[in-house]
Amino acid sequence: MSVCQNNLRFSNVRAECEESGLIVSHFIIRMSTATPNTGAQPPNHEHAFNKSVKVAKVVIVGSLNLDFINLIDSHPASGSHVQANDDVEAPGGHGGNQAVACARLSALPLASTIRRLLQPDEPLPSGPAMDVFMNGAIGDQDDFGERIVAELKKNKVNTTGIFTIKGEKTGYAHINVDAQGTSSVTGRAKANAKCLPGPALKLDVEPDVVLVQLEIPQETVKHVLAWAKGHNAITICNAAPATRTVAPEIFDVDHFILNEEQADKLDGIKTVLFNNRSNQRDEIRQHYLTQCAEFHKLGAKCVVITLAELGAVGSVRESGVAKRYIFDAVQVESKKVEDTTGGSDAFIGAYTVEIVHQWQLGMKQDVGSAMEMGIKAAGLCVSRVGSMQGIPTVKEILTTEFRAVDI
């Protein structure tokens, strides 16, 4: 085992290389304000040959919900009753949140060009242009759908792909958030359950990137992924919410992103493996890196598993060689965690934007840079209440000082 040090753009970066050549691992120990440069070339990506800088078309097909958020001191025990300290109604749903994250962060510059924190009054650099399209279903038995569509339009998301299910309610979620920012979610799919292949689901954009989740029927997800592959689009699947059964076709994507609960359910694990997360950090991360390898076997080219306060792990496999990443979680200096609900959606939006910009510029894929931008976006999002409204702006990411989460 050889160990090399690289402190060009990160503090305490360690790269470990297995001499067998089967695995190259990059362990990112502490987040700073830029991306590691280990000297190794990222693996080639089959979609990375477009040398013209075009306006990328990013299509999201997924859920649209209205969130009813209760702010409570602590989660109630079974059979008990608690009063909320405050409540918030806000648009949400994994699909809507990720569409807003992609649109709001679409001007993010490439991670590799960010050399320092910007001052609030400095002009902002930007990446290539991209358009974001949202496809999904809302109901006509409430005003939730109108409110969601209005918020999407406000964030410059193209909503022409959103259709109305007559006689149905819009999807919704009841979210309890305790004083530590930990959330519990109970939702009803409603119109989302009727977002099915057919004339109403108009996939009439020539896509460059397609992003899906599992909050709509898997029949639809399979249909959308097949359509995306027919257009040679980059495919990204967020396996959320957690389920024990996923169709084989859904694993066969360019990027498969999920959290630890979802990973355990898909792997058939029913019990809590770790009871001391801070002391078992390395063991936990290794466990999920092993799960990444299992998802590779199912067809996923790149796998990213988010681990809440322990950050995220990722793995990219090509031609029998895997490059693995571990990132610490970060939080905004002097701010506490308020609401963890939307962190994963902010992560996926920023991650997607970085991958899109790399493709637009004909660059080789660098998943580490995408994870870095995702980690930062998530760190900002969880410092405020609400999923969609908590998604940060480009300016916030470029001007915010982060620190590693204390665990």
Protein backbone atom coordinates (compact mmCIF):
# COMPACT_ATOMS: atom_id res chain seq x y z
CA MET A 1 0.00 0.00 0.00
CA SER A 2 1.44 3.33 -1.05
CA VAL A 3 0.25 6.58 0.48
CA CYS A 4 0.67 9.97 -1.16
CA GLN A 5 -0.14 13.41 0.22
CA ASN A 6 -1.71 16.22 -1.77
CA ASN A 7 -2.63 19.52 -0.12
CA LEU A 8 -3.01 21.70 -3.20
CA ARG A 9 -6.67 22.46 -2.74
CA PHE A 10 -7.82 20.48 0.30
CA SER A 11 -6.61 20.25 3.84
CA ASN A 12 -5.70 16.77 5.05
CA VAL A 13 -6.24 14.94 1.78
CA ARG A 14 -5.01 11.35 1.71
CA ALA A 15 -4.95 9.21 -1.40
CA GLU A 16 -4.42 5.47 -1.00
CA CYS A 17 -3.60 3.25 -3.95
CA GLU A 18 -3.86 -0.50 -3.99
CA GLU A 19 -0.86 -1.90 -5.84
CA SER A 20 -2.95 -4.61 -7.52
CA GLY A 21 -4.37 -1.96 -9.82
CA LEU A 22 -7.91 -3.22 -9.29
CA ILE A 23 -8.92 -0.33 -7.06
CA VAL A 24 -7.82 3.27 -6.85
CA SER A 25 -9.24 4.95 -3.75
CA HIS A 26 -9.42 8.63 -2.89
CA PHE A 27 -10.32 9.32 0.73
CA ILE A 28 -11.33 12.92 1.31
CA ILE A 29 -10.84 13.41 5.03
CA ARG A 30 -11.85 17.04 5.55
CA MET A 31 -13.78 19.35 3.27
CA SER A 32 -12.29 22.67 2.31
CA THR A 33 -13.38 25.02 -0.48
CA ALA A 34 -12.20 23.09 -3.51
CA THR A 35 -11.75 19.72 -5.14
CA PRO A 36 -8.89 17.25 -4.61
CA ASN A 37 -6.35 16.86 -7.36
CA THR A 38 -4.58 13.56 -6.90
CA GLY A 39 -2.81 13.65 -10.25
CA ALA A 40 -4.81 10.64 -11.47
CA GLN A 41 -6.95 11.07 -14.58
CA PRO A 42 -10.67 10.52 -13.95
CA PRO A 43 -12.12 7.64 -15.93
CA ASN A 44 -13.50 8.25 -19.41
CA HIS A 45 -17.25 8.67 -19.67
CA GLU A 46 -19.19 7.52 -22.70
CA HIS A 47 -21.09 10.81 -22.92
CA ALA A 48 -18.03 13.06 -22.64
CA PHE A 49 -17.24 13.51 -26.33
CA ASN A 50 -19.39 16.53 -27.15
CA LYS A 51 -16.85 19.29 -27.61
CA SER A 52 -19.31 22.09 -28.41
CA VAL A 53 -20.61 24.18 -25.52
CA LYS A 54 -24.35 23.87 -26.00
CA VAL A 55 -27.28 24.72 -23.79
CA ALA A 56 -27.86 21.41 -22.01
CA LYS A 57 -31.39 20.09 -21.59
CA VAL A 58 -31.93 18.47 -18.19
CA VAL A 59 -35.23 16.61 -17.84
CA ILE A 60 -36.56 15.63 -14.40
CA VAL A 61 -39.45 13.18 -14.22
CA GLY A 62 -40.71 12.72 -10.69
CA SER A 63 -42.95 13.65 -7.79
CA LEU A 64 -44.60 16.94 -6.93
CA ASN A 65 -45.83 17.38 -3.34
CA LEU A 66 -46.94 20.04 -0.95
CA ASP A 67 -45.08 19.70 2.35
CA PHE A 68 -46.76 20.37 5.70
CA ILE A 69 -43.87 20.90 8.10
CA ASN A 70 -44.28 20.84 11.89
CA LEU A 71 -41.40 22.13 14.01
CA ILE A 72 -41.35 20.17 17.29
CA ASP A 73 -39.01 19.79 20.25
CA SER A 74 -38.72 16.01 19.92
CA HIS A 75 -40.39 13.23 17.98
CA PRO A 76 -43.32 11.76 19.93
CA ALA A 77 -43.23 8.26 21.31
CA SER A 78 -45.84 5.81 20.08
CA GLY A 79 -49.26 6.80 21.41
CA SER A 80 -48.19 10.23 22.63
CA HIS A 81 -49.31 13.67 21.47
CA VAL A 82 -47.11 16.75 21.05
CA GLN A 83 -47.81 20.34 20.03
CA ALA A 84 -45.76 21.94 17.27
CA ASN A 85 -43.88 25.15 17.98
CA ASP A 86 -44.43 26.37 14.44
CA ASP A 87 -45.58 25.10 11.07
CA VAL A 88 -44.73 25.75 7.43
CA GLU A 89 -46.46 24.87 4.16
CA ALA A 90 -44.14 24.69 1.17
CA PRO A 91 -43.82 23.00 -2.24
CA GLY A 92 -41.72 19.85 -2.28
CA GLY A 93 -41.45 16.30 -3.54
CA HIS A 94 -38.17 14.75 -4.68
CA GLY A 95 -38.86 15.58 -8.31
CA GLY A 96 -39.81 19.21 -7.73
CA ASN A 97 -37.01 19.79 -5.24
CA GLN A 98 -34.37 18.38 -7.56
CA ALA A 99 -35.70 20.39 -10.50
CA VAL A 100 -35.43 23.60 -8.48
CA ALA A 101 -31.96 22.62 -7.27
CA CYS A 102 -30.77 22.04 -10.84
CA ALA A 103 -32.28 25.33 -12.04
CA ARG A 104 -31.21 27.45 -9.09
CA LEU A 105 -27.66 26.11 -9.26
CA SER A 106 -27.44 25.86 -13.06
CA ALA A 107 -24.90 28.68 -13.24
CA LEU A 108 -22.46 27.06 -10.81
CA PRO A 109 -18.93 27.21 -12.22
CA LEU A 110 -16.97 24.00 -12.50
CA ALA A 111 -15.62 22.90 -9.13
CA SER A 112 -12.11 22.73 -10.59
CA THR A 113 -12.19 26.49 -11.28
CA ILE A 114 -13.08 27.50 -7.70
CA ARG A 115 -9.82 28.55 -6.07
CA ARG A 116 -11.01 30.58 -3.09
CA LEU A 117 -14.07 31.96 -1.32
CA LEU A 118 -15.57 34.94 -3.07
CA GLN A 119 -16.54 38.11 -1.29
CA PRO A 120 -20.30 38.90 -1.34
CA ASP A 121 -19.79 41.94 -3.62
CA GLU A 122 -17.58 40.16 -6.18
CA PRO A 123 -18.99 39.26 -9.61
CA LEU A 124 -19.91 35.59 -9.82
CA PRO A 125 -18.29 33.25 -12.34
CA SER A 126 -20.65 30.85 -14.07
CA GLY A 127 -20.74 27.57 -15.94
CA PRO A 128 -22.32 26.82 -19.32
CA ALA A 129 -26.06 27.40 -19.71
CA MET A 130 -28.62 24.68 -19.09
CA ASP A 131 -32.40 24.46 -19.29
CA VAL A 132 -34.38 22.43 -16.74
CA PHE A 133 -37.65 20.67 -17.61
CA MET A 134 -40.02 19.17 -15.04
CA ASN A 135 -42.43 16.35 -15.89
CA GLY A 136 -44.92 15.13 -13.30
CA ALA A 137 -48.55 15.03 -12.22
CA ILE A 138 -50.70 17.24 -9.98
CA GLY A 139 -54.37 17.02 -8.98
CA ASP A 140 -57.31 19.37 -9.50
CA GLN A 141 -59.02 18.78 -6.13
CA ASP A 142 -56.89 21.35 -4.28
CA ASP A 143 -54.69 24.36 -4.98
CA PHE A 144 -51.49 22.52 -4.08
CA GLY A 145 -50.55 21.87 -7.69
CA GLU A 146 -50.96 25.51 -8.68
CA ARG A 147 -48.74 26.57 -5.81
CA ILE A 148 -46.07 24.04 -6.75
CA VAL A 149 -46.09 25.03 -10.43
CA ALA A 150 -45.85 28.71 -9.50
CA GLU A 151 -42.76 28.02 -7.37
CA LEU A 152 -41.13 26.00 -10.14
CA LYS A 153 -41.74 28.79 -12.66
CA LYS A 154 -40.34 31.31 -10.19
CA ASN A 155 -37.13 29.27 -10.23
CA LYS A 156 -37.05 29.19 -14.06
CA VAL A 157 -38.05 25.53 -14.38
CA ASN A 158 -39.95 24.70 -17.58
CA THR A 159 -43.28 23.27 -16.40
CA THR A 160 -44.95 22.41 -19.72
CA GLY A 161 -44.46 18.71 -18.91
CA ILE A 162 -46.61 18.89 -15.76
CA PHE A 163 -50.12 17.52 -16.31
CA THR A 164 -53.29 17.44 -14.21
CA ILE A 165 -55.13 14.32 -13.05
CA LYS A 166 -58.84 15.12 -12.95
CA GLY A 167 -60.69 14.12 -9.79
CA GLU A 168 -57.45 13.56 -7.86
CA LYS A 169 -55.56 15.41 -5.16
CA THR A 170 -51.98 16.56 -5.47
CA GLY A 171 -49.38 14.55 -3.54
CA TYR A 172 -48.49 15.77 -0.08
CA ALA A 173 -46.21 15.00 2.86
CA HIS A 174 -46.48 15.61 6.60
CA ILE A 175 -43.01 16.29 7.97
CA ASN A 176 -42.05 16.55 11.64
CA VAL A 177 -38.71 18.26 12.30
CA ASP A 178 -37.26 18.16 15.81
CA ALA A 179 -34.91 20.58 17.56
CA GLN A 180 -31.86 18.75 16.13
CA GLY A 181 -33.20 19.12 12.59
CA THR A 182 -34.01 15.41 12.26
CA SER A 183 -37.12 14.77 10.24
CA SER A 184 -39.74 12.05 9.90
CA VAL A 185 -41.96 12.00 6.84
CA THR A 186 -45.40 10.53 6.14
CA GLY A 187 -46.64 11.08 2.60
CA ARG A 188 -49.48 10.29 0.19
CA ALA A 189 -48.64 9.85 -3.48
CA LYS A 190 -52.08 10.86 -4.82
CA ALA A 191 -51.53 12.30 -8.35
CA ASN A 192 -47.93 11.07 -8.32
CA ALA A 193 -49.23 7.48 -8.35
CA LYS A 194 -50.99 8.24 -11.63
CA CYS A 195 -47.93 9.69 -13.33
CA LEU A 196 -47.86 6.82 -15.83
CA PRO A 197 -46.64 6.25 -19.39
CA GLY A 198 -49.17 7.51 -21.88
CA PRO A 199 -50.23 10.57 -23.85
CA ALA A 200 -50.23 12.86 -20.79
CA LEU A 201 -46.56 12.14 -20.03
CA LYS A 202 -45.10 14.20 -22.84
CA LEU A 203 -41.44 13.39 -23.28
CA ASP A 204 -40.96 15.69 -26.25
CA VAL A 205 -37.61 17.27 -25.37
CA GLU A 206 -34.33 16.06 -26.87
CA PRO A 207 -32.66 15.33 -23.48
CA ASP A 208 -29.00 15.51 -22.60
CA VAL A 209 -29.49 14.42 -18.98
CA VAL A 210 -32.49 12.65 -17.42
CA LEU A 211 -33.04 12.51 -13.66
CA VAL A 212 -35.62 10.24 -12.01
CA GLN A 213 -36.62 9.13 -8.49
CA LEU A 214 -38.82 6.37 -7.04
CA GLU A 215 -41.63 8.58 -5.74
CA ILE A 216 -43.56 7.85 -8.94
CA PRO A 217 -44.47 4.34 -10.23
CA GLN A 218 -41.51 2.19 -11.21
CA GLU A 219 -43.30 1.45 -14.48
CA THR A 220 -42.86 5.12 -15.32
CA VAL A 221 -39.24 5.19 -14.18
CA LYS A 222 -38.41 2.24 -16.46
CA HIS A 223 -40.23 3.91 -19.36
CA VAL A 224 -38.39 7.19 -18.84
CA LEU A 225 -34.97 5.54 -18.56
CA ALA A 226 -35.56 3.59 -21.77
CA TRP A 227 -36.53 6.85 -23.49
CA ALA A 228 -33.40 8.56 -22.12
CA LYS A 229 -31.12 5.80 -23.34
CA GLY A 230 -32.75 6.00 -26.75
CA HIS A 231 -31.49 9.57 -26.89
CA ASN A 232 -28.05 8.68 -25.47
CA ALA A 233 -28.75 10.93 -22.50
CA ILE A 234 -26.85 10.71 -19.22
CA THR A 235 -29.11 8.89 -16.76
CA ILE A 236 -29.29 9.65 -13.03
CA CYS A 237 -31.55 7.77 -10.62
CA ASN A 238 -32.17 8.78 -7.03
CA ALA A 239 -33.52 5.64 -5.36
CA ALA A 240 -35.81 7.50 -2.97
CA PRO A 241 -37.92 6.89 -1.01
CA ALA A 242 -36.57 3.64 0.36
CA THR A 243 -38.04 0.43 -0.98
CA ARG A 244 -36.98 -3.21 -0.88
CA THR A 245 -37.82 -3.97 -4.50
CA VAL A 246 -36.46 -2.16 -7.53
CA ALA A 247 -36.82 -3.34 -11.13
CA PRO A 248 -33.48 -4.51 -12.61
CA GLU A 249 -33.65 -1.88 -15.37
CA ILE A 250 -33.55 0.92 -12.80
CA PHE A 251 -30.09 -0.04 -11.58
CA ASP A 252 -28.69 0.19 -15.11
CA VAL A 253 -27.93 3.92 -15.06
CA ASP A 254 -24.91 6.17 -15.28
CA HIS A 255 -25.38 7.52 -11.73
CA PHE A 256 -27.26 5.71 -8.94
CA ILE A 257 -27.64 7.93 -5.86
CA LEU A 258 -29.26 6.93 -2.58
CA ASN A 259 -28.95 7.30 1.18
CA GLU A 260 -27.89 4.68 3.69
CA GLU A 261 -31.43 3.64 4.64
CA GLN A 262 -32.27 3.09 1.00
CA ALA A 263 -29.03 1.18 0.43
CA ASP A 264 -29.71 -1.16 3.35
CA LYS A 265 -33.28 -1.83 2.25
CA LEU A 266 -32.19 -2.65 -1.29
CA ASP A 267 -29.49 -4.91 0.12
CA GLY A 268 -32.06 -6.73 2.28
CA ILE A 269 -30.64 -5.52 5.61
CA LYS A 270 -33.39 -5.24 8.22
CA THR A 271 -31.51 -4.43 11.42
CA VAL A 272 -29.40 -1.53 12.63
CA LEU A 273 -25.78 -2.44 11.99
CA PHE A 274 -24.08 0.34 13.92
CA ASN A 275 -24.96 1.79 17.32
CA ASN A 276 -22.13 4.30 17.76
CA ARG A 277 -21.83 6.29 14.58
CA SER A 278 -19.05 8.64 15.65
CA ASN A 279 -16.77 5.85 16.83
CA GLN A 280 -17.68 3.52 13.96
CA ARG A 281 -17.28 6.09 11.20
CA ASP A 282 -14.62 4.19 9.23
CA GLU A 283 -16.46 0.91 9.61
CA ILE A 284 -19.71 2.47 8.42
CA ARG A 285 -18.07 4.05 5.40
CA GLN A 286 -16.41 0.79 4.44
CA HIS A 287 -19.74 -1.01 4.75
CA TYR A 288 -21.36 1.34 2.25
CA LEU A 289 -18.39 1.24 -0.11
CA THR A 290 -18.93 -2.53 -0.15
CA GLN A 291 -22.58 -1.89 -1.00
CA CYS A 292 -21.47 0.37 -3.86
CA ALA A 293 -19.71 -2.65 -5.33
CA GLU A 294 -22.92 -4.66 -5.13
CA PHE A 295 -24.85 -1.97 -7.01
CA HIS A 296 -22.13 -1.96 -9.67
CA LYS A 297 -22.86 -5.64 -10.21
CA LEU A 298 -26.51 -4.73 -10.83
CA GLY A 299 -25.53 -2.33 -13.60
CA ALA A 300 -24.86 1.07 -12.01
CA LYS A 301 -21.74 2.71 -13.47
CA CYS A 302 -21.38 5.23 -10.64
CA VAL A 303 -22.85 4.80 -7.15
CA VAL A 304 -23.08 7.50 -4.48
CA ILE A 305 -24.44 6.78 -0.98
CA THR A 306 -25.08 9.74 1.32
CA LEU A 307 -24.51 9.16 5.03
CA ALA A 308 -26.04 12.20 6.77
CA GLU A 309 -23.54 13.61 9.31
CA LEU A 310 -20.89 11.14 8.11
CA GLY A 311 -20.83 12.66 4.63
CA ALA A 312 -20.96 10.49 1.53
CA VAL A 313 -19.15 7.67 -0.23
CA GLY A 314 -18.98 7.06 -3.95
CA SER A 315 -17.59 4.59 -6.43
CA VAL A 316 -17.06 4.67 -10.19
CA ARG A 317 -16.26 1.43 -12.02
CA GLU A 318 -15.00 1.11 -15.56
CA SER A 319 -13.24 -1.82 -17.16
CA GLY A 320 -12.90 -3.62 -13.84
CA VAL A 321 -11.29 -0.64 -12.09
CA ALA A 322 -13.09 1.23 -9.31
CA LYS A 323 -12.27 4.68 -8.03
CA ARG A 324 -13.75 5.25 -4.59
CA TYR A 325 -14.43 8.50 -2.74
CA ILE A 326 -15.19 9.41 0.87
CA PHE A 327 -16.26 12.93 1.80
CA ASP A 328 -16.91 14.36 5.23
CA ALA A 329 -20.18 16.22 5.70
CA VAL A 330 -19.91 19.98 6.05
CA GLN A 331 -21.99 22.64 7.70
CA VAL A 332 -22.12 26.40 7.54
CA GLU A 333 -19.84 28.07 10.04
CA SER A 334 -21.81 29.42 13.05
CA LYS A 335 -25.11 27.81 11.94
CA LYS A 336 -26.80 24.72 13.29
CA VAL A 337 -28.75 22.06 11.45
CA GLU A 338 -32.41 23.14 11.19
CA ASP A 339 -34.01 20.59 8.84
CA THR A 340 -32.35 17.61 7.16
CA THR A 341 -35.33 16.80 4.89
CA GLY A 342 -34.10 18.48 1.71
CA GLY A 343 -30.37 17.84 2.07
CA SER A 344 -30.32 14.92 -0.34
CA ASP A 345 -32.26 16.81 -3.02
CA ALA A 346 -29.87 19.77 -2.80
CA PHE A 347 -26.96 17.33 -3.03
CA ILE A 348 -28.38 15.70 -6.16
CA GLY A 349 -29.12 19.02 -7.83
CA ALA A 350 -25.60 20.38 -7.36
CA TYR A 351 -24.08 16.99 -8.26
CA THR A 352 -26.12 16.91 -11.47
CA VAL A 353 -25.12 20.45 -12.45
CA GLU A 354 -21.42 19.62 -12.09
CA ILE A 355 -21.79 16.43 -14.18
CA VAL A 356 -23.72 18.38 -16.84
CA HIS A 357 -21.08 21.11 -17.07
CA GLN A 358 -18.30 18.55 -17.38
CA TRP A 359 -20.19 16.95 -20.26
CA GLN A 360 -20.89 20.28 -21.95
CA LEU A 361 -17.20 21.14 -21.96
CA GLY A 362 -16.14 17.74 -23.24
CA MET A 363 -14.28 16.95 -20.02
CA LYS A 364 -13.64 13.55 -18.55
CA GLN A 365 -16.05 12.72 -15.78
CA ASP A 366 -14.92 13.73 -12.28
CA VAL A 367 -17.35 12.34 -9.73
CA GLY A 368 -15.27 13.71 -6.85
CA SER A 369 -15.97 17.28 -8.00
CA ALA A 370 -19.68 16.51 -8.33
CA MET A 371 -19.78 15.05 -4.81
CA GLU A 372 -17.98 18.08 -3.46
CA MET A 373 -20.54 20.49 -4.90
CA GLY A 374 -23.34 18.25 -3.63
CA ILE A 375 -21.90 18.17 -0.12
CA LYS A 376 -21.72 21.96 -0.03
CA ALA A 377 -25.25 22.43 -1.32
CA ALA A 378 -26.58 19.96 1.25
CA GLY A 379 -24.66 21.67 4.05
CA LEU A 380 -26.36 24.96 3.22
CA CYS A 381 -29.81 23.44 2.69
CA VAL A 382 -29.99 21.77 6.09
CA SER A 383 -29.21 25.05 7.83
CA ARG A 384 -32.75 26.30 7.10
CA VAL A 385 -36.30 24.95 7.28
CA GLY A 386 -37.96 23.54 4.17
CA SER A 387 -36.71 21.40 1.31
CA MET A 388 -37.37 23.45 -1.82
CA GLN A 389 -37.04 26.81 -0.11
CA GLY A 390 -33.83 25.65 1.58
CA ILE A 391 -31.97 24.96 -1.66
CA PRO A 392 -29.05 27.40 -1.84
CA THR A 393 -28.06 29.82 -4.60
CA VAL A 394 -24.83 29.89 -6.56
CA LYS A 395 -23.72 32.96 -4.62
CA GLU A 396 -24.26 31.22 -1.29
CA ILE A 397 -22.13 28.23 -2.31
CA LEU A 398 -19.30 30.42 -3.61
CA THR A 399 -19.23 32.84 -0.65
CA THR A 400 -19.94 30.54 2.31
CA GLU A 401 -17.26 29.23 4.63
CA PHE A 402 -17.83 25.60 5.54
CA ARG A 403 -16.42 23.41 8.25
CA ALA A 404 -16.48 19.66 8.75
CA VAL A 405 -19.41 18.45 10.82
CA ASP A 406 -18.45 17.53 14.40
CA ILE A 407 -19.33 13.92 15.12
